[in-house]
Structure formats: C-alpha cells, structure tokens
Amino acid sequence: MLDNKSTYYVTNWDDAWEYTRALEAMNIPYVVESPGSPLHLNEGELAIVFPHLTMRTYAKVRTLFGGDGERYPD
C-alpha cells in the first residue's frame, strides 16, 4: 500500500508482469491497481502506481516505460 500516490502508467496484464519484475529488481516501490480503482481503466488494463520518487529514480521509471506517467488523481 502506498501512502502518497503520485504517478501511474497504464499497461496490459501481460506487460505488467515484466514491468513489475524490473521494478522489483531495481527496488522501486509501486502498487498495481485494476479496473474499479479510482483510475478509469478499461477491462484488461492495469495501472502501475508510484509514490513521489526522487528525480533519479523517476528517470529510471521513465526509461523503463518509455515516457512520462500520468498524474494520479487527488
């Protein structure tokens, strides 16, 4: 559970497994949310959600996902 959700990336179920493996290897905190969460996700989509990260850590996440994430709604 994250206390301060900041950014998220939407992905599909298959790719989520690869992303979470990479994030765990880099010791980057995250949670996975499914449809029905506060995010508007389509069936078959998951959101990988991050807390506030340092710029160095966010740069790693940005590289992994190939761009900037979406801002988590307040």
C-alpha atoms as a PDB file:
ATOM      1  CA  MET A   1       0.000   0.000   0.000  1.00  0.00           C
ATOM      2  CA  LEU A   2       1.316   3.438  -0.926  1.00  0.00           C
ATOM      3  CA  ASP A   3       0.549   6.468   1.191  1.00  0.00           C
ATOM      4  CA  ASN A   4       1.368   9.132  -1.376  1.00  0.00           C
ATOM      5  CA  LYS A   5       0.341   8.025  -4.866  1.00  0.00           C
ATOM      6  CA  SER A   6       1.807  10.377  -7.417  1.00  0.00           C
ATOM      7  CA  THR A   7       2.216   8.898 -10.880  1.00  0.00           C
ATOM      8  CA  TYR A   8       0.903   5.899 -12.778  1.00  0.00           C
ATOM      9  CA  TYR A   9       1.345   4.060 -16.051  1.00  0.00           C
ATOM     10  CA  VAL A  10      -1.404   2.051 -17.737  1.00  0.00           C
ATOM     11  CA  THR A  11      -0.415  -1.311 -19.158  1.00  0.00           C
ATOM     12  CA  ASN A  12      -1.946  -4.660 -20.043  1.00  0.00           C
ATOM     13  CA  TRP A  13      -1.834  -7.793 -17.875  1.00  0.00           C
ATOM     14  CA  ASP A  14       0.980  -9.454 -19.846  1.00  0.00           C
ATOM     15  CA  ASP A  15       3.308  -6.459 -19.839  1.00  0.00           C
ATOM     16  CA  ALA A  16       2.577  -5.681 -16.174  1.00  0.00           C
ATOM     17  CA  TRP A  17       4.391  -8.857 -15.141  1.00  0.00           C
ATOM     18  CA  GLU A  18       7.556  -7.777 -16.980  1.00  0.00           C
ATOM     19  CA  TYR A  19       7.388  -4.240 -15.590  1.00  0.00           C
ATOM     20  CA  THR A  20       6.884  -5.417 -12.016  1.00  0.00           C
ATOM     21  CA  ARG A  21       9.818  -7.817 -12.277  1.00  0.00           C
ATOM     22  CA  ALA A  22      12.063  -4.983 -13.469  1.00  0.00           C
ATOM     23  CA  LEU A  23      10.819  -2.619 -10.750  1.00  0.00           C
ATOM     24  CA  GLU A  24      11.446  -5.199  -8.056  1.00  0.00           C
ATOM     25  CA  ALA A  25      14.968  -5.774  -9.376  1.00  0.00           C
ATOM     26  CA  MET A  26      15.592  -2.007  -9.097  1.00  0.00           C
ATOM     27  CA  ASN A  27      13.958  -1.821  -5.632  1.00  0.00           C
ATOM     28  CA  ILE A  28      11.478   0.833  -6.790  1.00  0.00           C
ATOM     29  CA  PRO A  29       8.225   0.993  -4.769  1.00  0.00           C
ATOM     30  CA  TYR A  30       4.921   0.574  -6.619  1.00  0.00           C
ATOM     31  CA  VAL A  31       1.453  -0.912  -6.374  1.00  0.00           C
ATOM     32  CA  VAL A  32      -0.713  -2.401  -9.105  1.00  0.00           C
ATOM     33  CA  GLU A  33      -4.336  -1.243  -9.420  1.00  0.00           C
ATOM     34  CA  SER A  34      -7.029  -2.860 -11.531  1.00  0.00           C
ATOM     35  CA  PRO A  35     -10.275  -1.595 -13.058  1.00  0.00           C
ATOM     36  CA  GLY A  36     -12.603  -0.368 -10.342  1.00  0.00           C
ATOM     37  CA  SER A  37      -9.885   1.655  -8.657  1.00  0.00           C
ATOM     38  CA  PRO A  38     -10.063   5.475  -8.654  1.00  0.00           C
ATOM     39  CA  LEU A  39      -8.464   5.352 -12.114  1.00  0.00           C
ATOM     40  CA  HIS A  40     -10.557   4.969 -15.234  1.00  0.00           C
ATOM     41  CA  LEU A  41      -9.121   1.762 -16.642  1.00  0.00           C
ATOM     42  CA  ASN A  42     -10.552  -0.417 -19.375  1.00  0.00           C
ATOM     43  CA  GLU A  43     -11.084  -4.131 -18.943  1.00  0.00           C
ATOM     44  CA  GLY A  44      -7.727  -5.888 -19.373  1.00  0.00           C
ATOM     45  CA  GLU A  45      -5.726  -2.863 -18.240  1.00  0.00           C
ATOM     46  CA  LEU A  46      -3.764  -2.388 -15.044  1.00  0.00           C
ATOM     47  CA  ALA A  47      -2.131   0.693 -13.580  1.00  0.00           C
ATOM     48  CA  ILE A  48       1.316   0.578 -12.042  1.00  0.00           C
ATOM     49  CA  VAL A  49       1.240   3.333  -9.439  1.00  0.00           C
ATOM     50  CA  PHE A  50       4.219   5.071  -7.849  1.00  0.00           C
ATOM     51  CA  PRO A  51       4.688   7.280  -4.817  1.00  0.00           C
ATOM     52  CA  HIS A  52       6.644  10.509  -5.077  1.00  0.00           C
ATOM     53  CA  LEU A  53      10.056   9.457  -6.386  1.00  0.00           C
ATOM     54  CA  THR A  54      13.409  11.182  -6.483  1.00  0.00           C
ATOM     55  CA  MET A  55      14.352  12.560  -9.888  1.00  0.00           C
ATOM     56  CA  ARG A  56      16.998   9.858 -10.311  1.00  0.00           C
ATOM     57  CA  THR A  57      14.508   7.080  -9.563  1.00  0.00           C
ATOM     58  CA  TYR A  58      11.798   8.648 -11.731  1.00  0.00           C
ATOM     59  CA  ALA A  59      14.312   8.791 -14.595  1.00  0.00           C
ATOM     60  CA  LYS A  60      14.723   5.000 -14.291  1.00  0.00           C
ATOM     61  CA  VAL A  61      10.956   4.505 -14.299  1.00  0.00           C
ATOM     62  CA  ARG A  62      10.562   6.862 -17.251  1.00  0.00           C
ATOM     63  CA  THR A  63      13.196   4.921 -19.187  1.00  0.00           C
ATOM     64  CA  LEU A  64      11.542   1.585 -18.363  1.00  0.00           C
ATOM     65  CA  PHE A  65       8.109   2.741 -19.559  1.00  0.00           C
ATOM     66  CA  GLY A  66       9.375   4.874 -22.454  1.00  0.00           C
ATOM     67  CA  GLY A  67       7.951   8.219 -21.310  1.00  0.00           C
ATOM     68  CA  ASP A  68       6.226  10.212 -18.613  1.00  0.00           C
ATOM     69  CA  GLY A  69       3.489   8.744 -16.466  1.00  0.00           C
ATOM     70  CA  GLU A  70       0.076  10.179 -15.746  1.00  0.00           C
ATOM     71  CA  ARG A  71      -0.584  12.199 -12.583  1.00  0.00           C
ATOM     72  CA  TYR A  72      -2.547  10.193 -10.010  1.00  0.00           C
ATOM     73  CA  PRO A  73      -5.863  11.946  -9.248  1.00  0.00           C
ATOM     74  CA  ASP A  74      -6.136  13.705  -5.891  1.00  0.00           C
END
